[in-house]
Amino acid sequence: VRELAEQLFKNENPNPHIAFQKVPRPT
């Protein structure tokens, strides 16, 4: 089940190294 869950995660996130940066809140 954990192996399948990992495959499902990889299918949805094929490029895990690309991180989404948050836009900083204005001062």
PDB file of all heavy atoms in Angstrom:
ATOM      1  N   VAL A   1       0.846  -1.202   0.000  1.00  0.00           N
ATOM      2  CA  VAL A   1       0.000   0.000   0.000  1.00  0.00           C
ATOM      3  C   VAL A   1       0.880   1.251   0.000  1.00  0.00           C
ATOM      4  O   VAL A   1       0.608   2.215  -0.720  1.00  0.00           O
ATOM      5  CB  VAL A   1      -0.965  -0.005   1.215  1.00  0.00           C
ATOM      6  CG1 VAL A   1      -1.590   1.353   1.432  1.00  0.00           C
ATOM      7  CG2 VAL A   1      -2.051  -1.054   1.009  1.00  0.00           C
ATOM      8  N   ARG A   2       1.944   1.231   0.783  1.00  0.00           N
ATOM      9  CA  ARG A   2       2.851   2.394   0.828  1.00  0.00           C
ATOM     10  C   ARG A   2       3.570   2.583  -0.512  1.00  0.00           C
ATOM     11  O   ARG A   2       3.780   3.714  -0.945  1.00  0.00           O
ATOM     12  CB  ARG A   2       3.833   2.252   1.976  1.00  0.00           C
ATOM     13  CG  ARG A   2       3.136   2.454   3.304  1.00  0.00           C
ATOM     14  CD  ARG A   2       4.087   2.661   4.441  1.00  0.00           C
ATOM     15  NE  ARG A   2       3.318   2.989   5.644  1.00  0.00           N
ATOM     16  CZ  ARG A   2       3.508   2.440   6.813  1.00  0.00           C
ATOM     17  NH1 ARG A   2       4.477   1.563   6.992  1.00  0.00           N
ATOM     18  NH2 ARG A   2       2.765   2.789   7.846  1.00  0.00           N
ATOM     19  N   GLU A   3       3.951   1.483  -1.157  1.00  0.00           N
ATOM     20  CA  GLU A   3       4.576   1.588  -2.481  1.00  0.00           C
ATOM     21  C   GLU A   3       3.604   2.200  -3.490  1.00  0.00           C
ATOM     22  O   GLU A   3       3.982   3.062  -4.291  1.00  0.00           O
ATOM     23  CB  GLU A   3       5.008   0.204  -2.975  1.00  0.00           C
ATOM     24  CG  GLU A   3       6.191  -0.383  -2.255  1.00  0.00           C
ATOM     25  CD  GLU A   3       6.443  -1.844  -2.632  1.00  0.00           C
ATOM     26  OE1 GLU A   3       5.763  -2.373  -3.556  1.00  0.00           O
ATOM     27  OE2 GLU A   3       7.310  -2.468  -2.002  1.00  0.00           O
ATOM     28  N   LEU A   4       2.357   1.738  -3.450  1.00  0.00           N
ATOM     29  CA  LEU A   4       1.345   2.287  -4.358  1.00  0.00           C
ATOM     30  C   LEU A   4       1.098   3.768  -4.072  1.00  0.00           C
ATOM     31  O   LEU A   4       0.957   4.572  -4.993  1.00  0.00           O
ATOM     32  CB  LEU A   4       0.037   1.510  -4.237  1.00  0.00           C
ATOM     33  CG  LEU A   4       0.032   0.098  -4.787  1.00  0.00           C
ATOM     34  CD1 LEU A   4      -1.279  -0.602  -4.447  1.00  0.00           C
ATOM     35  CD2 LEU A   4       0.264   0.108  -6.285  1.00  0.00           C
ATOM     36  N   ALA A   5       1.052   4.120  -2.772  1.00  0.00           N
ATOM     37  CA  ALA A   5       0.841   5.521  -2.394  1.00  0.00           C
ATOM     38  C   ALA A   5       1.985   6.382  -2.913  1.00  0.00           C
ATOM     39  O   ALA A   5       1.760   7.505  -3.386  1.00  0.00           O
ATOM     40  CB  ALA A   5       0.716   5.644  -0.878  1.00  0.00           C
ATOM     41  N   GLU A   6       3.194   5.863  -2.845  1.00  0.00           N
ATOM     42  CA  GLU A   6       4.350   6.607  -3.353  1.00  0.00           C
ATOM     43  C   GLU A   6       4.252   6.798  -4.862  1.00  0.00           C
ATOM     44  O   GLU A   6       4.535   7.871  -5.386  1.00  0.00           O
ATOM     45  CB  GLU A   6       5.637   5.856  -3.003  1.00  0.00           C
ATOM     46  CG  GLU A   6       6.889   6.625  -3.325  1.00  0.00           C
ATOM     47  CD  GLU A   6       8.138   5.882  -2.865  1.00  0.00           C
ATOM     48  OE1 GLU A   6       8.153   5.402  -1.724  1.00  0.00           O
ATOM     49  OE2 GLU A   6       9.075   5.788  -3.683  1.00  0.00           O
ATOM     50  N   GLN A   7       3.798   5.757  -5.583  1.00  0.00           N
ATOM     51  CA  GLN A   7       3.611   5.879  -7.029  1.00  0.00           C
ATOM     52  C   GLN A   7       2.520   6.896  -7.352  1.00  0.00           C
ATOM     53  O   GLN A   7       2.662   7.670  -8.301  1.00  0.00           O
ATOM     54  CB  GLN A   7       3.265   4.531  -7.642  1.00  0.00           C
ATOM     55  CG  GLN A   7       4.442   3.603  -7.754  1.00  0.00           C
ATOM     56  CD  GLN A   7       4.060   2.288  -8.397  1.00  0.00           C
ATOM     57  OE1 GLN A   7       3.131   1.621  -7.950  1.00  0.00           O
ATOM     58  NE2 GLN A   7       4.765   1.919  -9.436  1.00  0.00           N
ATOM     59  N   LEU A   8       1.438   6.889  -6.591  1.00  0.00           N
ATOM     60  CA  LEU A   8       0.372   7.875  -6.803  1.00  0.00           C
ATOM     61  C   LEU A   8       0.896   9.284  -6.584  1.00  0.00           C
ATOM     62  O   LEU A   8       0.585  10.209  -7.339  1.00  0.00           O
ATOM     63  CB  LEU A   8      -0.809   7.598  -5.867  1.00  0.00           C
ATOM     64  CG  LEU A   8      -1.646   6.367  -6.180  1.00  0.00           C
ATOM     65  CD1 LEU A   8      -2.602   6.067  -5.034  1.00  0.00           C
ATOM     66  CD2 LEU A   8      -2.410   6.561  -7.478  1.00  0.00           C
ATOM     67  N   PHE A   9       1.716   9.454  -5.556  1.00  0.00           N
ATOM     68  CA  PHE A   9       2.293  10.769  -5.272  1.00  0.00           C
ATOM     69  C   PHE A   9       3.207  11.200  -6.416  1.00  0.00           C
ATOM     70  O   PHE A   9       3.153  12.350  -6.862  1.00  0.00           O
ATOM     71  CB  PHE A   9       3.070  10.740  -3.954  1.00  0.00           C
ATOM     72  CG  PHE A   9       3.673  12.062  -3.596  1.00  0.00           C
ATOM     73  CD1 PHE A   9       2.887  13.083  -3.100  1.00  0.00           C
ATOM     74  CD2 PHE A   9       5.034  12.292  -3.771  1.00  0.00           C
ATOM     75  CE1 PHE A   9       3.432  14.310  -2.774  1.00  0.00           C
ATOM     76  CE2 PHE A   9       5.588  13.521  -3.451  1.00  0.00           C
ATOM     77  CZ  PHE A   9       4.782  14.526  -2.954  1.00  0.00           C
ATOM     78  N   LYS A  10       4.041  10.274  -6.920  1.00  0.00           N
ATOM     79  CA  LYS A  10       4.938  10.606  -8.027  1.00  0.00           C
ATOM     80  C   LYS A  10       4.159  10.949  -9.289  1.00  0.00           C
ATOM     81  O   LYS A  10       4.577  11.804 -10.068  1.00  0.00           O
ATOM     82  CB  LYS A  10       5.893   9.450  -8.302  1.00  0.00           C
ATOM     83  CG  LYS A  10       7.008   9.343  -7.296  1.00  0.00           C
ATOM     84  CD  LYS A  10       7.918   8.180  -7.618  1.00  0.00           C
ATOM     85  CE  LYS A  10       8.977   8.014  -6.550  1.00  0.00           C
ATOM     86  NZ  LYS A  10       9.802   6.815  -6.791  1.00  0.00           N
ATOM     87  N   ASN A  11       3.026  10.273  -9.513  1.00  0.00           N
ATOM     88  CA  ASN A  11       2.209  10.581 -10.684  1.00  0.00           C
ATOM     89  C   ASN A  11       1.648  11.997 -10.614  1.00  0.00           C
ATOM     90  O   ASN A  11       1.508  12.662 -11.632  1.00  0.00           O
ATOM     91  CB  ASN A  11       1.051   9.592 -10.815  1.00  0.00           C
ATOM     92  CG  ASN A  11       1.508   8.244 -11.294  1.00  0.00           C
ATOM     93  OD1 ASN A  11       2.612   8.073 -11.774  1.00  0.00           O
ATOM     94  ND2 ASN A  11       0.643   7.257 -11.148  1.00  0.00           N
ATOM     95  N   GLU A  12       1.322  12.444  -9.420  1.00  0.00           N
ATOM     96  CA  GLU A  12       0.753  13.786  -9.267  1.00  0.00           C
ATOM     97  C   GLU A  12       1.831  14.856  -9.168  1.00  0.00           C
ATOM     98  O   GLU A  12       1.566  16.013  -9.451  1.00  0.00           O
ATOM     99  CB  GLU A  12      -0.145  13.833  -8.026  1.00  0.00           C
ATOM    100  CG  GLU A  12      -1.400  13.029  -8.201  1.00  0.00           C
ATOM    101  CD  GLU A  12      -2.281  13.064  -6.982  1.00  0.00           C
ATOM    102  OE1 GLU A  12      -2.017  13.858  -6.064  1.00  0.00           O
ATOM    103  OE2 GLU A  12      -3.239  12.281  -6.945  1.00  0.00           O
ATOM    104  N   ASN A  13       3.027  14.487  -8.736  1.00  0.00           N
ATOM    105  CA  ASN A  13       4.130  15.430  -8.589  1.00  0.00           C
ATOM    106  C   ASN A  13       5.352  14.899  -9.323  1.00  0.00           C
ATOM    107  O   ASN A  13       6.300  14.435  -8.692  1.00  0.00           O
ATOM    108  CB  ASN A  13       4.470  15.636  -7.108  1.00  0.00           C
ATOM    109  CG  ASN A  13       3.281  16.112  -6.320  1.00  0.00           C
ATOM    110  OD1 ASN A  13       2.689  17.117  -6.643  1.00  0.00           O
ATOM    111  ND2 ASN A  13       2.909  15.359  -5.300  1.00  0.00           N
ATOM    112  N   PRO A  14       5.346  14.951 -10.664  1.00  0.00           N
ATOM    113  CA  PRO A  14       6.453  14.344 -11.406  1.00  0.00           C
ATOM    114  C   PRO A  14       7.796  15.047 -11.214  1.00  0.00           C
ATOM    115  O   PRO A  14       8.831  14.455 -11.398  1.00  0.00           O
ATOM    116  CB  PRO A  14       5.990  14.432 -12.858  1.00  0.00           C
ATOM    117  CG  PRO A  14       4.967  15.494 -12.886  1.00  0.00           C
ATOM    118  CD  PRO A  14       4.344  15.531 -11.526  1.00  0.00           C
ATOM    119  N   ASN A  15       7.785  16.317 -10.839  1.00  0.00           N
ATOM    120  CA  ASN A  15       9.028  17.065 -10.638  1.00  0.00           C
ATOM    121  C   ASN A  15       9.082  17.602  -9.217  1.00  0.00           C
ATOM    122  O   ASN A  15       8.839  18.783  -8.971  1.00  0.00           O
ATOM    123  CB  ASN A  15       9.124  18.232 -11.624  1.00  0.00           C
ATOM    124  CG  ASN A  15       9.152  17.758 -13.053  1.00  0.00           C
ATOM    125  OD1 ASN A  15       9.781  16.768 -13.365  1.00  0.00           O
ATOM    126  ND2 ASN A  15       8.442  18.468 -13.925  1.00  0.00           N
ATOM    127  N   PRO A  16       9.413  16.751  -8.236  1.00  0.00           N
ATOM    128  CA  PRO A  16       9.387  17.204  -6.839  1.00  0.00           C
ATOM    129  C   PRO A  16      10.464  18.226  -6.526  1.00  0.00           C
ATOM    130  O   PRO A  16      10.347  18.963  -5.556  1.00  0.00           O
ATOM    131  CB  PRO A  16       9.611  15.919  -6.038  1.00  0.00           C
ATOM    132  CG  PRO A  16      10.316  15.007  -6.976  1.00  0.00           C
ATOM    133  CD  PRO A  16       9.836  15.371  -8.357  1.00  0.00           C
ATOM    134  N   HIS A  17      11.512  18.297  -7.353  1.00  0.00           N
ATOM    135  CA  HIS A  17      12.580  19.253  -7.074  1.00  0.00           C
ATOM    136  C   HIS A  17      12.164  20.697  -7.372  1.00  0.00           C
ATOM    137  O   HIS A  17      12.807  21.632  -6.924  1.00  0.00           O
ATOM    138  CB  HIS A  17      13.840  18.887  -7.862  1.00  0.00           C
ATOM    139  CG  HIS A  17      13.637  18.924  -9.344  1.00  0.00           C
ATOM    140  ND1 HIS A  17      13.062  17.876 -10.017  1.00  0.00           N
ATOM    141  CD2 HIS A  17      13.906  19.874 -10.258  1.00  0.00           C
ATOM    142  CE1 HIS A  17      12.996  18.185 -11.305  1.00  0.00           C
ATOM    143  NE2 HIS A  17      13.501  19.387 -11.478  1.00  0.00           N
ATOM    144  N   ILE A  18      11.100  20.870  -8.149  1.00  0.00           N
ATOM    145  CA  ILE A  18      10.613  22.223  -8.423  1.00  0.00           C
ATOM    146  C   ILE A  18       9.730  22.644  -7.258  1.00  0.00           C
ATOM    147  O   ILE A  18       8.636  22.120  -7.067  1.00  0.00           O
ATOM    148  CB  ILE A  18       9.813  22.276  -9.743  1.00  0.00           C
ATOM    149  CG1 ILE A  18      10.704  21.876 -10.914  1.00  0.00           C
ATOM    150  CG2 ILE A  18       9.218  23.652  -9.950  1.00  0.00           C
ATOM    151  CD1 ILE A  18       9.975  21.772 -12.237  1.00  0.00           C
ATOM    152  N   ALA A  19      10.223  23.567  -6.491  1.00  0.00           N
ATOM    153  CA  ALA A  19       9.479  24.019  -5.315  1.00  0.00           C
ATOM    154  C   ALA A  19       8.758  25.320  -5.654  1.00  0.00           C
ATOM    155  O   ALA A  19       9.298  26.178  -6.349  1.00  0.00           O
ATOM    156  CB  ALA A  19      10.430  24.234  -4.144  1.00  0.00           C
ATOM    157  N   PHE A  20       7.569  25.436  -5.139  1.00  0.00           N
ATOM    158  CA  PHE A  20       6.816  26.657  -5.345  1.00  0.00           C
ATOM    159  C   PHE A  20       7.175  27.634  -4.223  1.00  0.00           C
ATOM    160  O   PHE A  20       7.009  27.319  -3.051  1.00  0.00           O
ATOM    161  CB  PHE A  20       5.308  26.381  -5.333  1.00  0.00           C
ATOM    162  CG  PHE A  20       4.880  25.510  -6.468  1.00  0.00           C
ATOM    163  CD1 PHE A  20       4.648  24.153  -6.286  1.00  0.00           C
ATOM    164  CD2 PHE A  20       4.734  26.034  -7.740  1.00  0.00           C
ATOM    165  CE1 PHE A  20       4.263  23.349  -7.334  1.00  0.00           C
ATOM    166  CE2 PHE A  20       4.356  25.241  -8.792  1.00  0.00           C
ATOM    167  CZ  PHE A  20       4.117  23.895  -8.594  1.00  0.00           C
ATOM    168  N   GLN A  21       7.672  28.782  -4.627  1.00  0.00           N
ATOM    169  CA  GLN A  21       8.049  29.771  -3.631  1.00  0.00           C
ATOM    170  C   GLN A  21       6.845  30.630  -3.295  1.00  0.00           C
ATOM    171  O   GLN A  21       6.081  31.024  -4.170  1.00  0.00           O
ATOM    172  CB  GLN A  21       9.175  30.653  -4.151  1.00  0.00           C
ATOM    173  CG  GLN A  21      10.456  29.888  -4.374  1.00  0.00           C
ATOM    174  CD  GLN A  21      11.565  30.794  -4.884  1.00  0.00           C
ATOM    175  OE1 GLN A  21      11.316  31.905  -5.310  1.00  0.00           O
ATOM    176  NE2 GLN A  21      12.778  30.285  -4.827  1.00  0.00           N
ATOM    177  N   LYS A  22       6.720  30.915  -2.028  1.00  0.00           N
ATOM    178  CA  LYS A  22       5.634  31.782  -1.599  1.00  0.00           C
ATOM    179  C   LYS A  22       6.041  33.233  -1.820  1.00  0.00           C
ATOM    180  O   LYS A  22       7.204  33.596  -1.661  1.00  0.00           O
ATOM    181  CB  LYS A  22       5.327  31.562  -0.122  1.00  0.00           C
ATOM    182  CG  LYS A  22       4.717  30.218   0.157  1.00  0.00           C
ATOM    183  CD  LYS A  22       4.341  30.116   1.606  1.00  0.00           C
ATOM    184  CE  LYS A  22       3.662  28.780   1.871  1.00  0.00           C
ATOM    185  NZ  LYS A  22       3.261  28.644   3.254  1.00  0.00           N
ATOM    186  N   VAL A  23       5.076  34.052  -2.185  1.00  0.00           N
ATOM    187  CA  VAL A  23       5.336  35.473  -2.350  1.00  0.00           C
ATOM    188  C   VAL A  23       5.350  36.089  -0.964  1.00  0.00           C
ATOM    189  O   VAL A  23       4.404  35.913  -0.192  1.00  0.00           O
ATOM    190  CB  VAL A  23       4.242  36.131  -3.225  1.00  0.00           C
ATOM    191  CG1 VAL A  23       4.462  37.621  -3.350  1.00  0.00           C
ATOM    192  CG2 VAL A  23       4.188  35.457  -4.578  1.00  0.00           C
ATOM    193  N   PRO A  24       6.426  36.805  -0.629  1.00  0.00           N
ATOM    194  CA  PRO A  24       6.487  37.377   0.723  1.00  0.00           C
ATOM    195  C   PRO A  24       5.406  38.442   0.928  1.00  0.00           C
ATOM    196  O   PRO A  24       5.031  39.157  -0.003  1.00  0.00           O
ATOM    197  CB  PRO A  24       7.888  37.980   0.802  1.00  0.00           C
ATOM    198  CG  PRO A  24       8.345  38.116  -0.601  1.00  0.00           C
ATOM    199  CD  PRO A  24       7.599  37.116  -1.411  1.00  0.00           C
ATOM    200  N   ARG A  25       4.930  38.501   2.138  1.00  0.00           N
ATOM    201  CA  ARG A  25       3.925  39.497   2.503  1.00  0.00           C
ATOM    202  C   ARG A  25       4.593  40.874   2.494  1.00  0.00           C
ATOM    203  O   ARG A  25       5.707  41.024   2.986  1.00  0.00           O
ATOM    204  CB  ARG A  25       3.388  39.167   3.888  1.00  0.00           C
ATOM    205  CG  ARG A  25       2.401  40.191   4.396  1.00  0.00           C
ATOM    206  CD  ARG A  25       1.712  39.750   5.671  1.00  0.00           C
ATOM    207  NE  ARG A  25       0.338  39.521   5.270  1.00  0.00           N
ATOM    208  CZ  ARG A  25      -0.355  38.428   5.497  1.00  0.00           C
ATOM    209  NH1 ARG A  25       0.164  37.460   6.156  1.00  0.00           N
ATOM    210  NH2 ARG A  25      -1.581  38.301   5.078  1.00  0.00           N
ATOM    211  N   PRO A  26       3.925  41.889   1.930  1.00  0.00           N
ATOM    212  CA  PRO A  26       4.524  43.233   1.912  1.00  0.00           C
ATOM    213  C   PRO A  26       4.759  43.754   3.341  1.00  0.00           C
ATOM    214  O   PRO A  26       4.003  43.432   4.257  1.00  0.00           O
ATOM    215  CB  PRO A  26       3.494  44.092   1.197  1.00  0.00           C
ATOM    216  CG  PRO A  26       2.436  43.187   0.713  1.00  0.00           C
ATOM    217  CD  PRO A  26       2.625  41.852   1.318  1.00  0.00           C
ATOM    218  N   THR A  27       5.796  44.511   3.477  1.00  0.00           N
ATOM    219  CA  THR A  27       6.099  45.080   4.789  1.00  0.00           C
ATOM    220  C   THR A  27       5.047  46.107   5.173  1.00  0.00           C
ATOM    221  O   THR A  27       4.348  46.650   4.311  1.00  0.00           O
ATOM    222  CB  THR A  27       7.484  45.752   4.796  1.00  0.00           C
ATOM    223  OG1 THR A  27       7.488  46.773   3.798  1.00  0.00           O
ATOM    224  CG2 THR A  27       8.576  44.745   4.506  1.00  0.00           C
TER     225      THR A  27
END
